[in-house]
Amino acid sequence: MNKYKDFENYLKEYPDENGYFGEYGGSYQAKELIEAFKEADDAYEAICHSAQFINELRRIRKDFQGRPTPVHHCERLSKLFGNCQIYLKREDLNHTGAHKLNHCMGEGLLAKYMGKKKIIAETGAGQHGVAIATAAAYFGMECDVYMGEVDIAKQHPNVIRMKMLGANVIPVTKGLKTLKEACDAAFEAYLKEYKDAIYCIGTAAGPHPFPKMVRDFQSVIGIEAREQFLEMTGIMPDAITACVGGGSNSLGMFTPFLADPVEIYGVEPLGRGSGVGDHAATMTYGTKGIIHGYTSYVLQDENGEPLPVYSIASGLDYPGVGPEHAFLRDAGRVNYVTISDEEAMEAFFLLSRYEGIIPAIESAHAVAYAIKYAKEHKSGSILACLSGRGDKDIDYVYEKYGCGEQFKLDYDVK
């Protein structure tokens, strides 16, 4: 079996008409929401191949988002660890500072087509919240963003940005007060307002059709990166990598490369270690279950209830993962690996000091794995998705780590 050839028609084959990637995905919803999600699916299918919709989205990406974002060769960082070359797809240069606007503008355009008046969303690190608030302002819609109190405290700059953009930021005080609880609250709100509002989930997870829609909108990352890398080097990278929380930036990066002879690594947050409540490495430690209306791998107890999770990166501390990731794992096409808090933070400071790029903590997980890969391979190349910039994390990082004095950062560049 040729694992690359098997994926030549992948985007046409997955998901199926019911939203399944193999045995993962689907839509398990309250009766009142079944028609709402079908309405969104029908509307998306009606316009996703429309020349008018595609051309308008392309115009928005070019004139408003500033796409395409570049691929950057980390020459100095690469020299620290040998001859394996590290490259970055610079989604931190996308308008609002992360990849999230790629699907938010698409979902906003869909909401406009459907005649909706309000957008409801959840956010963890705040990047999705900022992006959806931006889309709502652009299309002239109301916007409610649900955010856990813990994340509100960690991501204060993004909370202010959302409010400046006109969004109503609603604190979530239940449970661990992080991303999972924010998702719960957003679904509860949508249940009450689905006739006039659209729910724009912040990742490639949730009930069908959202994993498909978000994957499609985010695939611009990998499409651009593939063309740019070929133009820069004349060959494909040996490996690509991206961080995995719910899975939007990673699927956007991965899917255009699935049929290519390229190794793919999804990076999960190991946090403080492998104990329950110390990490959010769903693909590594989870089992098949249902969460937020879809089937995937879930960090869950013996009763099927989600376990507490943790990551220093607010955008990665989720007990589930997008169903497409579960399928790609079982199919053996994507390798899922882990990076700890400390490894991610060392990469955060190394990239800052040697390349002049301050990454989001989420993105630093992918950078950390790219560094680990470069140390282990004497030649070749790895292309990492730098999914966001670190402006949102500066205050938190300085409070916890200063300017990185505890890490060995003073390498000699030969």
Protein backbone atom coordinates (compact mmCIF):
# COMPACT_ATOMS: atom_id res chain seq x y z
CA MET A 1 0.00 0.00 0.00
CA ASN A 2 1.35 3.40 -1.01
CA LYS A 3 0.36 5.70 1.85
CA TYR A 4 0.85 8.77 -0.35
CA LYS A 5 -1.09 7.51 -3.38
CA ASP A 6 -4.01 6.58 -1.12
CA PHE A 7 -4.55 10.30 -0.45
CA GLU A 8 -4.62 11.58 -4.05
CA ASN A 9 -8.43 12.07 -3.98
CA TYR A 10 -8.66 12.60 -0.25
CA LEU A 11 -10.49 15.94 -0.22
CA LYS A 12 -13.21 14.57 -2.51
CA GLU A 13 -13.67 11.45 -0.42
CA TYR A 14 -13.59 12.84 3.14
CA PRO A 15 -15.72 13.58 4.97
CA ASP A 16 -18.69 11.58 3.68
CA GLU A 17 -22.14 13.14 3.31
CA ASN A 18 -22.84 12.60 7.01
CA GLY A 19 -19.63 14.28 8.09
CA TYR A 20 -17.60 11.18 8.94
CA PHE A 21 -13.88 10.70 8.44
CA GLY A 22 -13.95 6.92 8.63
CA GLU A 23 -15.49 6.24 12.05
CA TYR A 24 -14.91 9.75 13.41
CA GLY A 25 -16.98 12.91 13.13
CA GLY A 26 -20.73 13.07 12.58
CA SER A 27 -23.19 15.30 14.38
CA TYR A 28 -24.74 14.49 17.75
CA GLN A 29 -26.94 17.41 18.63
CA ALA A 30 -29.95 18.54 20.60
CA LYS A 31 -33.08 18.07 18.48
CA GLU A 32 -33.49 21.83 18.17
CA LEU A 33 -30.04 22.19 16.58
CA ILE A 34 -30.27 19.45 13.96
CA GLU A 35 -31.97 21.74 11.46
CA ALA A 36 -29.61 24.60 12.31
CA PHE A 37 -26.54 22.55 11.47
CA LYS A 38 -28.21 21.16 8.34
CA GLU A 39 -28.96 24.74 7.29
CA ALA A 40 -25.29 25.64 7.68
CA ASP A 41 -24.22 22.55 5.74
CA ASP A 42 -26.66 23.18 2.90
CA ALA A 43 -25.58 26.83 2.67
CA TYR A 44 -21.90 25.91 2.62
CA GLU A 45 -22.40 23.26 -0.05
CA ALA A 46 -24.37 25.78 -2.11
CA ILE A 47 -21.60 28.38 -2.15
CA CYS A 48 -18.28 26.57 -1.64
CA HIS A 49 -17.97 25.97 -5.39
CA SER A 50 -19.52 29.30 -6.35
CA ALA A 51 -17.21 31.54 -8.38
CA GLN A 52 -18.71 34.60 -6.71
CA PHE A 53 -18.05 33.29 -3.19
CA ILE A 54 -14.55 32.06 -4.03
CA ASN A 55 -13.57 35.30 -5.76
CA GLU A 56 -14.91 37.40 -2.88
CA LEU A 57 -13.01 35.29 -0.35
CA ARG A 58 -9.83 35.58 -2.43
CA ARG A 59 -10.25 39.35 -2.55
CA ILE A 60 -10.69 39.49 1.23
CA ARG A 61 -7.61 37.33 1.77
CA LYS A 62 -5.48 39.51 -0.48
CA ASP A 63 -6.75 43.00 0.31
CA PHE A 64 -7.81 42.64 3.95
CA GLN A 65 -5.85 39.73 5.44
CA GLY A 66 -2.60 40.41 3.59
CA ARG A 67 -2.22 36.94 2.10
CA PRO A 68 -0.19 35.15 0.98
CA THR A 69 1.92 34.95 4.12
CA PRO A 70 5.60 34.12 3.45
CA VAL A 71 7.75 31.09 4.15
CA HIS A 72 10.86 32.05 6.13
CA HIS A 73 14.15 30.13 6.24
CA CYS A 74 15.48 30.14 9.82
CA GLU A 75 19.13 30.26 8.79
CA ARG A 76 20.61 31.17 12.17
CA LEU A 77 18.39 28.81 14.15
CA SER A 78 19.20 25.96 11.76
CA LYS A 79 22.94 26.49 12.20
CA LEU A 80 22.64 25.95 15.94
CA PHE A 81 21.73 22.30 15.49
CA GLY A 82 23.51 21.08 12.34
CA ASN A 83 22.68 20.91 8.65
CA CYS A 84 18.96 20.19 8.78
CA GLN A 85 17.19 23.36 7.68
CA ILE A 86 14.21 24.79 9.57
CA TYR A 87 11.56 26.79 7.69
CA LEU A 88 8.46 28.56 8.99
CA LYS A 89 5.11 29.28 7.35
CA ARG A 90 4.50 32.74 8.79
CA GLU A 91 0.81 32.71 9.76
CA ASP A 92 1.78 35.18 12.50
CA LEU A 93 1.86 37.77 9.68
CA ASN A 94 -1.77 37.12 8.75
CA HIS A 95 -4.02 40.03 9.82
CA THR A 96 -4.89 39.80 13.56
CA GLY A 97 -1.70 37.81 14.15
CA ALA A 98 -2.70 34.18 13.61
CA HIS A 99 -4.22 31.66 11.23
CA LYS A 100 -7.67 32.00 12.79
CA LEU A 101 -8.85 34.73 10.41
CA ASN A 102 -8.60 32.27 7.50
CA HIS A 103 -11.75 30.46 8.55
CA CYS A 104 -13.39 33.35 10.40
CA MET A 105 -13.67 35.47 7.26
CA GLY A 106 -15.01 32.45 5.39
CA GLU A 107 -17.57 31.75 8.11
CA GLY A 108 -18.48 35.44 8.25
CA LEU A 109 -19.09 35.47 4.51
CA LEU A 110 -21.23 32.34 4.91
CA ALA A 111 -23.22 33.99 7.72
CA LYS A 112 -23.84 37.00 5.48
CA TYR A 113 -25.08 34.71 2.72
CA MET A 114 -27.42 32.99 5.21
CA GLY A 115 -28.84 36.32 6.39
CA LYS A 116 -27.69 35.90 10.01
CA LYS A 117 -27.46 38.89 12.33
CA LYS A 118 -25.12 37.56 15.02
CA ILE A 119 -22.01 35.40 15.36
CA ILE A 120 -21.53 33.25 18.48
CA ALA A 121 -18.07 31.82 19.22
CA GLU A 122 -15.76 30.47 21.91
CA THR A 123 -12.08 31.19 22.41
CA GLY A 124 -9.18 29.91 24.49
CA ALA A 125 -6.01 31.83 23.64
CA GLY A 126 -8.16 34.69 22.36
CA GLN A 127 -6.87 34.53 18.77
CA HIS A 128 -10.10 33.01 17.49
CA GLY A 129 -12.03 35.54 19.53
CA VAL A 130 -10.11 38.42 17.98
CA ALA A 131 -10.48 36.95 14.50
CA ILE A 132 -14.22 36.38 14.81
CA ALA A 133 -14.69 39.86 16.32
CA THR A 134 -12.77 41.22 13.33
CA ALA A 135 -14.99 39.29 10.90
CA ALA A 136 -18.13 40.49 12.70
CA ALA A 137 -16.97 44.10 12.46
CA TYR A 138 -16.08 43.65 8.77
CA PHE A 139 -19.49 42.18 7.89
CA GLY A 140 -21.51 44.39 10.29
CA MET A 141 -22.77 41.73 12.70
CA GLU A 142 -23.22 41.39 16.45
CA CYS A 143 -20.69 39.12 18.15
CA ASP A 144 -20.73 37.19 21.43
CA VAL A 145 -17.47 35.48 22.44
CA TYR A 146 -17.43 33.01 25.37
CA MET A 147 -14.10 32.73 27.20
CA GLY A 148 -13.07 30.97 30.41
CA GLU A 149 -12.09 33.19 33.32
CA VAL A 150 -8.65 31.54 33.55
CA ASP A 151 -7.95 32.36 29.90
CA ILE A 152 -9.31 35.89 30.29
CA ALA A 153 -6.67 36.48 32.98
CA LYS A 154 -3.87 34.92 30.87
CA GLN A 155 -4.81 36.57 27.59
CA HIS A 156 -5.73 40.10 28.69
CA PRO A 157 -4.39 41.85 25.54
CA ASN A 158 -6.66 39.77 23.32
CA VAL A 159 -9.66 40.42 25.57
CA ILE A 160 -9.11 44.17 25.12
CA ARG A 161 -8.76 43.74 21.35
CA MET A 162 -12.06 41.84 21.15
CA LYS A 163 -13.85 44.56 23.08
CA MET A 164 -12.29 47.31 20.95
CA LEU A 165 -13.59 45.51 17.88
CA GLY A 166 -17.10 45.63 19.34
CA ALA A 167 -17.47 42.05 20.58
CA ASN A 168 -19.26 41.13 23.77
CA VAL A 169 -16.78 39.01 25.78
CA ILE A 170 -18.73 36.73 28.15
CA PRO A 171 -16.74 35.17 31.05
CA VAL A 172 -17.32 31.46 31.72
CA THR A 173 -17.06 30.53 35.39
CA LYS A 174 -17.91 26.82 35.37
CA GLY A 175 -15.49 23.91 35.79
CA LEU A 176 -11.84 24.63 34.98
CA LYS A 177 -12.90 27.94 33.37
CA THR A 178 -10.91 27.26 30.20
CA LEU A 179 -11.57 26.25 26.58
CA LYS A 180 -13.77 23.20 27.11
CA GLU A 181 -16.15 25.16 29.33
CA ALA A 182 -16.17 28.07 26.85
CA CYS A 183 -17.27 25.61 24.12
CA ASP A 184 -20.03 24.30 26.40
CA ALA A 185 -21.32 27.81 27.06
CA ALA A 186 -21.22 28.81 23.39
CA PHE A 187 -23.26 25.74 22.39
CA GLU A 188 -25.82 26.53 25.11
CA ALA A 189 -26.14 30.09 23.79
CA TYR A 190 -26.47 28.92 20.20
CA LEU A 191 -29.29 26.59 21.21
CA LYS A 192 -31.29 29.67 22.25
CA GLU A 193 -30.43 31.91 19.28
CA TYR A 194 -29.82 29.64 16.29
CA LYS A 195 -32.57 31.21 14.16
CA ASP A 196 -30.82 34.59 14.07
CA ALA A 197 -27.21 33.59 14.80
CA ILE A 198 -24.51 31.31 13.44
CA TYR A 199 -22.05 29.45 15.64
CA CYS A 200 -18.50 29.83 14.35
CA ILE A 201 -16.38 27.24 16.12
CA GLY A 202 -12.72 28.14 16.53
CA THR A 203 -11.15 24.95 15.27
CA ALA A 204 -11.61 21.93 13.00
CA ALA A 205 -13.79 20.18 15.57
CA GLY A 206 -17.45 20.17 16.57
CA PRO A 207 -20.43 18.67 14.77
CA HIS A 208 -20.60 18.35 10.97
CA PRO A 209 -20.22 20.54 8.88
CA PHE A 210 -17.73 22.59 10.94
CA PRO A 211 -14.69 20.27 10.77
CA LYS A 212 -15.04 20.18 6.97
CA MET A 213 -15.63 23.92 6.61
CA VAL A 214 -12.75 24.95 8.85
CA ARG A 215 -10.40 22.45 7.17
CA ASP A 216 -11.32 23.81 3.75
CA PHE A 217 -10.89 27.46 4.74
CA GLN A 218 -7.59 26.77 6.52
CA SER A 219 -6.09 24.73 3.66
CA VAL A 220 -4.88 28.01 2.16
CA ILE A 221 -1.95 27.65 4.59
CA GLY A 222 -0.66 24.42 3.10
CA ILE A 223 -1.52 25.35 -0.49
CA GLU A 224 0.59 28.49 -0.22
CA ALA A 225 3.37 26.80 1.78
CA ARG A 226 3.72 23.96 -0.72
CA GLU A 227 4.02 26.34 -3.70
CA GLN A 228 6.38 28.68 -1.84
CA PHE A 229 8.70 25.94 -0.61
CA LEU A 230 8.97 24.44 -4.09
CA GLU A 231 9.75 27.86 -5.53
CA MET A 232 12.38 28.54 -2.85
CA THR A 233 14.17 25.18 -2.94
CA GLY A 234 13.00 23.24 -5.99
CA ILE A 235 12.05 20.23 -3.84
CA MET A 236 9.55 19.21 -1.18
CA PRO A 237 10.45 19.48 2.52
CA ASP A 238 11.37 16.20 4.17
CA ALA A 239 8.89 16.89 6.95
CA ILE A 240 6.20 19.36 7.98
CA THR A 241 4.86 20.03 11.45
CA ALA A 242 2.23 22.07 13.30
CA CYS A 243 0.77 22.23 16.79
CA VAL A 244 -2.49 20.37 17.48
CA GLY A 245 -5.13 21.52 19.91
CA GLY A 246 -8.49 21.22 18.19
CA GLY A 247 -6.60 21.05 14.94
CA SER A 248 -7.32 23.93 12.54
CA ASN A 249 -3.85 25.29 11.74
CA SER A 250 -2.43 21.78 11.51
CA LEU A 251 -5.09 20.45 9.13
CA GLY A 252 -4.73 23.60 7.05
CA MET A 253 -1.02 22.88 6.83
CA PHE A 254 -1.24 19.10 6.42
CA THR A 255 -4.00 18.36 3.90
CA PRO A 256 -2.33 19.85 0.78
CA PHE A 257 0.73 17.65 1.51
CA LEU A 258 -1.08 14.35 2.18
CA ALA A 259 -0.37 12.85 -1.27
CA ASP A 260 3.27 14.02 -1.26
CA PRO A 261 6.26 11.97 0.01
CA VAL A 262 6.57 14.17 3.09
CA GLU A 263 6.57 13.07 6.73
CA ILE A 264 3.93 14.87 8.80
CA TYR A 265 4.10 15.53 12.55
CA GLY A 266 1.26 16.86 14.68
CA VAL A 267 2.54 18.28 17.97
CA GLU A 268 0.45 17.94 21.11
CA PRO A 269 1.00 19.66 24.49
CA LEU A 270 2.56 17.35 27.08
CA GLY A 271 2.35 20.19 29.60
CA ARG A 272 3.83 19.19 32.96
CA GLY A 273 3.89 15.45 32.25
CA SER A 274 1.79 12.36 31.50
CA GLY A 275 -0.41 12.44 34.62
CA VAL A 276 -4.14 13.14 34.42
CA GLY A 277 -4.68 16.90 34.44
CA ASP A 278 -1.05 17.62 33.57
CA HIS A 279 -1.35 17.63 29.77
CA ALA A 280 -3.76 17.93 26.83
CA ALA A 281 -2.22 15.27 24.55
CA THR A 282 -5.48 13.79 23.29
CA MET A 283 -4.08 11.78 20.38
CA THR A 284 -1.37 10.30 22.60
CA TYR A 285 -3.41 9.39 25.68
CA GLY A 286 -7.06 9.62 24.62
CA THR A 287 -9.61 7.00 23.61
CA LYS A 288 -12.55 7.07 21.23
CA GLY A 289 -15.50 9.02 22.58
CA ILE A 290 -18.01 11.79 21.95
CA ILE A 291 -17.41 15.43 22.85
CA HIS A 292 -19.19 18.60 21.74
CA GLY A 293 -21.37 16.76 19.26
CA TYR A 294 -18.82 14.63 17.37
CA THR A 295 -16.82 11.39 17.69
CA SER A 296 -13.05 11.53 18.03
CA TYR A 297 -10.27 10.78 20.48
CA VAL A 298 -11.09 12.25 23.88
CA LEU A 299 -9.26 12.47 27.20
CA GLN A 300 -12.04 10.90 29.26
CA ASP A 301 -12.73 8.88 32.41
CA GLU A 302 -14.35 5.43 32.59
CA ASN A 303 -17.81 7.05 32.37
CA GLY A 304 -16.99 8.93 29.18
CA GLU A 305 -16.73 12.30 30.94
CA PRO A 306 -13.92 14.63 29.77
CA LEU A 307 -10.90 14.67 32.07
CA PRO A 308 -9.25 17.87 33.30
CA VAL A 309 -6.52 19.04 30.92
CA TYR A 310 -3.67 21.51 31.11
CA SER A 311 -1.26 23.32 28.81
CA ILE A 312 0.70 26.50 29.20
CA ALA A 313 -0.82 27.35 25.80
CA SER A 314 -4.45 28.37 26.28
CA GLY A 315 -5.28 27.46 22.69
CA LEU A 316 -4.17 23.85 23.17
CA ASP A 317 -5.82 22.89 26.49
CA TYR A 318 -8.77 20.99 25.04
CA PRO A 319 -9.72 17.37 25.96
CA GLY A 320 -10.81 16.50 22.42
CA VAL A 321 -9.35 16.86 18.93
CA GLY A 322 -10.81 17.33 15.46
CA PRO A 323 -12.20 14.07 14.00
CA GLU A 324 -10.03 14.32 10.89
CA HIS A 325 -6.93 14.10 13.06
CA ALA A 326 -8.25 10.88 14.61
CA PHE A 327 -8.76 9.44 11.13
CA LEU A 328 -5.29 10.50 9.93
CA ARG A 329 -3.74 8.96 13.04
CA ASP A 330 -5.44 5.62 12.56
CA ALA A 331 -4.61 5.69 8.83
CA GLY A 332 -0.93 6.09 9.74
CA ARG A 333 -0.47 9.18 7.58
CA VAL A 334 0.26 11.66 10.39
CA ASN A 335 2.61 11.04 13.31
CA TYR A 336 1.45 12.59 16.58
CA VAL A 337 4.18 13.60 19.02
CA THR A 338 4.39 15.60 22.24
CA ILE A 339 6.27 18.65 23.48
CA SER A 340 6.38 19.74 27.13
CA ASP A 341 5.87 23.24 28.51
CA GLU A 342 9.60 23.61 29.12
CA GLU A 343 10.55 22.49 25.61
CA ALA A 344 8.02 24.88 24.12
CA MET A 345 9.24 27.81 26.20
CA GLU A 346 12.88 27.18 25.32
CA ALA A 347 11.87 27.21 21.64
CA PHE A 348 9.88 30.41 22.30
CA PHE A 349 13.01 32.20 23.47
CA LEU A 350 15.36 30.61 20.91
CA LEU A 351 13.21 31.74 18.00
CA SER A 352 12.91 35.20 19.53
CA ARG A 353 16.64 35.57 20.10
CA TYR A 354 18.05 33.95 16.94
CA GLU A 355 15.43 34.88 14.33
CA GLY A 356 13.79 38.01 15.73
CA ILE A 357 10.36 36.32 15.76
CA ILE A 358 8.34 36.09 18.99
CA PRO A 359 5.90 33.19 18.51
CA ALA A 360 2.63 32.39 20.19
CA ILE A 361 3.15 29.77 22.89
CA GLU A 362 0.92 27.42 20.88
CA SER A 363 3.17 27.83 17.83
CA ALA A 364 6.29 27.40 19.97
CA HIS A 365 5.28 23.74 20.38
CA ALA A 366 5.72 23.23 16.62
CA VAL A 367 8.99 25.17 16.65
CA ALA A 368 10.22 22.98 19.51
CA TYR A 369 9.51 19.84 17.54
CA ALA A 370 11.21 21.31 14.45
CA ILE A 371 14.30 21.91 16.63
CA LYS A 372 14.14 18.35 17.98
CA TYR A 373 13.83 17.01 14.41
CA ALA A 374 16.80 19.13 13.28
CA LYS A 375 18.93 17.76 16.12
CA GLU A 376 18.10 14.18 15.10
CA HIS A 377 18.63 14.56 11.34
CA LYS A 378 22.00 15.46 9.84
CA SER A 379 20.50 16.89 6.66
CA GLY A 380 17.20 17.68 4.97
CA SER A 381 14.53 20.17 5.97
CA ILE A 382 11.43 20.63 8.09
CA LEU A 383 8.70 23.20 7.49
CA ALA A 384 6.74 24.28 10.59
CA CYS A 385 3.51 26.24 10.72
CA LEU A 386 4.08 29.30 12.88
CA SER A 387 0.37 29.62 13.58
CA GLY A 388 0.49 32.89 15.53
CA ARG A 389 2.56 35.67 17.05
CA GLY A 390 3.37 36.07 20.71
CA ASP A 391 2.05 39.55 21.48
CA LYS A 392 -0.84 38.03 23.42
CA ASP A 393 1.54 36.02 25.61
CA ILE A 394 4.17 38.62 26.49
CA ASP A 395 2.82 39.65 29.90
CA TYR A 396 2.20 36.06 30.99
CA VAL A 397 5.60 34.83 29.76
CA TYR A 398 7.48 37.66 31.44
CA GLU A 399 5.68 37.03 34.73
CA LYS A 400 6.49 33.29 34.64
CA TYR A 401 9.83 33.14 32.80
CA GLY A 402 11.28 36.64 32.69
CA CYS A 403 13.30 36.95 29.50
CA GLY A 404 14.28 33.29 29.49
CA GLU A 405 17.30 33.50 31.76
CA GLN A 406 16.80 29.92 33.00
CA PHE A 407 17.21 28.46 29.50
CA LYS A 408 20.51 27.89 27.71
CA LEU A 409 20.06 30.42 24.95
CA ASP A 410 23.59 31.55 24.17
CA TYR A 411 24.65 29.06 21.50
CA ASP A 412 27.48 29.82 19.09
CA VAL A 413 26.32 30.15 15.50
CA LYS A 414 29.06 28.72 13.29
